[in-house]
Amino acid sequence: MSMSSRLLRAAAPVELISLAVLLVNLATVHWQAVASLFGPVHGCAYLFVIGATIHKSRDTKTRLLAIVPGIGGLLVVRRNKTRPATPAEAEEFSATPRQASLDQDATS
């Protein structure tokens, strides 16, 4: 599993939970401390989801799913589980950086 996959799997639930906490706080007590804590957490998780998706997938639909606040990351994780990788994606992410550089040197 690549680093971007692990990052995406970690950031997706954090994004959803932090958004839920922010919305519940907004609808009930509206404590500033909760907003100050969970606002940046949600923002960072949201940006991590988008960045990891852009790094991992070349599919436009998958990238567009990532920008949906709250559930976008979970939708991307689910889509990546069910959708087979294209041959280019499979080749790109199956080779380690060392193998990729050796393959490139061999073809040169």
C-alpha atoms as a PDB file:
ATOM      1  CA  MET A   1       0.000   0.000   0.000  1.00  0.00           C
ATOM      2  CA  SER A   2       1.439   3.357  -1.020  1.00  0.00           C
ATOM      3  CA  MET A   3       1.965   6.294   1.292  1.00  0.00           C
ATOM      4  CA  SER A   4      -0.823   8.274  -0.373  1.00  0.00           C
ATOM      5  CA  SER A   5      -3.238   5.357   0.194  1.00  0.00           C
ATOM      6  CA  ARG A   6      -2.414   5.217   3.885  1.00  0.00           C
ATOM      7  CA  LEU A   7      -2.714   8.983   4.181  1.00  0.00           C
ATOM      8  CA  LEU A   8      -6.066   8.932   2.403  1.00  0.00           C
ATOM      9  CA  ARG A   9      -7.391   6.125   4.613  1.00  0.00           C
ATOM     10  CA  ALA A  10      -6.354   8.058   7.737  1.00  0.00           C
ATOM     11  CA  ALA A  11      -7.527  11.499   6.644  1.00  0.00           C
ATOM     12  CA  ALA A  12     -10.947  10.491   5.275  1.00  0.00           C
ATOM     13  CA  PRO A  13     -12.590   9.551   8.599  1.00  0.00           C
ATOM     14  CA  VAL A  14     -10.892  12.469  10.375  1.00  0.00           C
ATOM     15  CA  GLU A  15     -12.413  14.808   7.793  1.00  0.00           C
ATOM     16  CA  LEU A  16     -15.908  13.403   8.327  1.00  0.00           C
ATOM     17  CA  ILE A  17     -15.751  13.280  12.126  1.00  0.00           C
ATOM     18  CA  SER A  18     -14.312  16.777  12.441  1.00  0.00           C
ATOM     19  CA  LEU A  19     -17.007  18.189  10.148  1.00  0.00           C
ATOM     20  CA  ALA A  20     -19.700  16.428  12.177  1.00  0.00           C
ATOM     21  CA  VAL A  21     -18.288  17.878  15.402  1.00  0.00           C
ATOM     22  CA  LEU A  22     -18.214  21.363  13.871  1.00  0.00           C
ATOM     23  CA  LEU A  23     -21.803  21.127  12.643  1.00  0.00           C
ATOM     24  CA  VAL A  24     -23.112  19.753  15.957  1.00  0.00           C
ATOM     25  CA  ASN A  25     -21.273  22.518  17.787  1.00  0.00           C
ATOM     26  CA  LEU A  26     -22.765  25.107  15.441  1.00  0.00           C
ATOM     27  CA  ALA A  27     -26.285  23.735  15.879  1.00  0.00           C
ATOM     28  CA  THR A  28     -26.094  23.497  19.684  1.00  0.00           C
ATOM     29  CA  VAL A  29     -23.797  25.386  22.031  1.00  0.00           C
ATOM     30  CA  HIS A  30     -21.460  27.082  19.534  1.00  0.00           C
ATOM     31  CA  TRP A  31     -18.398  27.000  21.776  1.00  0.00           C
ATOM     32  CA  GLN A  32     -15.542  28.964  20.270  1.00  0.00           C
ATOM     33  CA  ALA A  33     -12.935  26.564  21.685  1.00  0.00           C
ATOM     34  CA  VAL A  34     -14.467  23.619  19.805  1.00  0.00           C
ATOM     35  CA  ALA A  35     -14.502  25.592  16.571  1.00  0.00           C
ATOM     36  CA  SER A  36     -10.918  26.738  17.142  1.00  0.00           C
ATOM     37  CA  LEU A  37      -9.752  23.167  17.651  1.00  0.00           C
ATOM     38  CA  PHE A  38     -11.752  21.259  15.053  1.00  0.00           C
ATOM     39  CA  GLY A  39     -11.792  23.902  12.320  1.00  0.00           C
ATOM     40  CA  PRO A  40      -8.079  23.566  11.492  1.00  0.00           C
ATOM     41  CA  VAL A  41      -8.227  19.776  11.969  1.00  0.00           C
ATOM     42  CA  HIS A  42     -11.031  19.556   9.412  1.00  0.00           C
ATOM     43  CA  GLY A  43      -9.244  21.920   7.033  1.00  0.00           C
ATOM     44  CA  CYS A  44      -6.009  19.942   7.150  1.00  0.00           C
ATOM     45  CA  ALA A  45      -7.786  16.605   6.725  1.00  0.00           C
ATOM     46  CA  TYR A  46      -9.752  18.027   3.782  1.00  0.00           C
ATOM     47  CA  LEU A  47      -6.572  19.229   2.081  1.00  0.00           C
ATOM     48  CA  PHE A  48      -4.797  15.926   2.784  1.00  0.00           C
ATOM     49  CA  VAL A  49      -7.686  14.036   1.155  1.00  0.00           C
ATOM     50  CA  ILE A  50      -7.526  16.217  -1.938  1.00  0.00           C
ATOM     51  CA  GLY A  51      -3.732  16.031  -2.166  1.00  0.00           C
ATOM     52  CA  ALA A  52      -3.569  12.269  -1.653  1.00  0.00           C
ATOM     53  CA  THR A  53      -6.307  11.725  -4.225  1.00  0.00           C
ATOM     54  CA  ILE A  54      -4.562  13.888  -6.805  1.00  0.00           C
ATOM     55  CA  HIS A  55      -1.327  12.015  -6.142  1.00  0.00           C
ATOM     56  CA  LYS A  56      -2.928   8.572  -6.263  1.00  0.00           C
ATOM     57  CA  SER A  57      -5.487   8.810  -9.051  1.00  0.00           C
ATOM     58  CA  ARG A  58      -5.548  10.232 -12.547  1.00  0.00           C
ATOM     59  CA  ASP A  59      -9.285   9.617 -12.880  1.00  0.00           C
ATOM     60  CA  THR A  60     -11.218  12.891 -13.103  1.00  0.00           C
ATOM     61  CA  LYS A  61     -14.325  11.504 -11.378  1.00  0.00           C
ATOM     62  CA  THR A  62     -12.276  10.281  -8.444  1.00  0.00           C
ATOM     63  CA  ARG A  63     -10.567  13.656  -8.135  1.00  0.00           C
ATOM     64  CA  LEU A  64     -13.920  15.434  -8.217  1.00  0.00           C
ATOM     65  CA  LEU A  65     -15.239  13.164  -5.455  1.00  0.00           C
ATOM     66  CA  ALA A  66     -12.356  14.260  -3.241  1.00  0.00           C
ATOM     67  CA  ILE A  67     -13.534  17.871  -3.173  1.00  0.00           C
ATOM     68  CA  VAL A  68     -16.907  16.975  -1.632  1.00  0.00           C
ATOM     69  CA  PRO A  69     -16.603  18.184   1.976  1.00  0.00           C
ATOM     70  CA  GLY A  70     -17.059  15.584   4.694  1.00  0.00           C
ATOM     71  CA  ILE A  71     -17.732  12.402   2.752  1.00  0.00           C
ATOM     72  CA  GLY A  72     -15.486  12.952  -0.274  1.00  0.00           C
ATOM     73  CA  GLY A  73     -12.542  11.113   1.238  1.00  0.00           C
ATOM     74  CA  LEU A  74     -14.621   8.094   2.184  1.00  0.00           C
ATOM     75  CA  LEU A  75     -16.145   8.020  -1.306  1.00  0.00           C
ATOM     76  CA  VAL A  76     -12.667   8.076  -2.841  1.00  0.00           C
ATOM     77  CA  VAL A  77     -11.493   5.230  -0.590  1.00  0.00           C
ATOM     78  CA  ARG A  78     -14.557   3.185  -1.558  1.00  0.00           C
ATOM     79  CA  ARG A  79     -14.124   3.979  -5.252  1.00  0.00           C
ATOM     80  CA  ASN A  80     -10.459   2.943  -5.128  1.00  0.00           C
ATOM     81  CA  LYS A  81     -11.450  -0.388  -3.554  1.00  0.00           C
ATOM     82  CA  THR A  82     -14.100  -1.193  -6.155  1.00  0.00           C
ATOM     83  CA  ARG A  83     -12.582   0.308  -9.306  1.00  0.00           C
ATOM     84  CA  PRO A  84      -9.682  -1.635 -10.811  1.00  0.00           C
ATOM     85  CA  ALA A  85      -6.613   0.455 -11.427  1.00  0.00           C
ATOM     86  CA  THR A  86      -5.806   1.416 -14.979  1.00  0.00           C
ATOM     87  CA  PRO A  87      -2.670  -0.258 -16.379  1.00  0.00           C
ATOM     88  CA  ALA A  88      -0.748   3.028 -16.071  1.00  0.00           C
ATOM     89  CA  GLU A  89      -1.784   3.474 -12.424  1.00  0.00           C
ATOM     90  CA  ALA A  90      -1.017  -0.135 -11.579  1.00  0.00           C
ATOM     91  CA  GLU A  91       2.437   0.105 -13.140  1.00  0.00           C
ATOM     92  CA  GLU A  92       3.173   3.457 -11.508  1.00  0.00           C
ATOM     93  CA  PHE A  93       2.245   2.356  -7.995  1.00  0.00           C
ATOM     94  CA  SER A  94       3.457  -1.238  -8.103  1.00  0.00           C
ATOM     95  CA  ALA A  95       7.105  -0.361  -8.706  1.00  0.00           C
ATOM     96  CA  THR A  96       9.162   0.967  -5.860  1.00  0.00           C
ATOM     97  CA  PRO A  97      11.112   4.173  -6.559  1.00  0.00           C
ATOM     98  CA  ARG A  98      14.326   2.138  -6.772  1.00  0.00           C
ATOM     99  CA  GLN A  99      12.803  -0.293  -9.265  1.00  0.00           C
ATOM    100  CA  ALA A 100      11.355   2.543 -11.316  1.00  0.00           C
ATOM    101  CA  SER A 101      14.733   4.257 -11.589  1.00  0.00           C
ATOM    102  CA  LEU A 102      16.418   0.970 -12.557  1.00  0.00           C
ATOM    103  CA  ASP A 103      13.776   0.334 -15.212  1.00  0.00           C
ATOM    104  CA  GLN A 104      14.267   3.837 -16.569  1.00  0.00           C
ATOM    105  CA  ASP A 105      18.055   3.393 -16.695  1.00  0.00           C
ATOM    106  CA  ALA A 106      17.666   0.072 -18.511  1.00  0.00           C
ATOM    107  CA  THR A 107      15.528   1.622 -21.245  1.00  0.00           C
ATOM    108  CA  SER A 108      17.880   4.563 -21.749  1.00  0.00           C
END
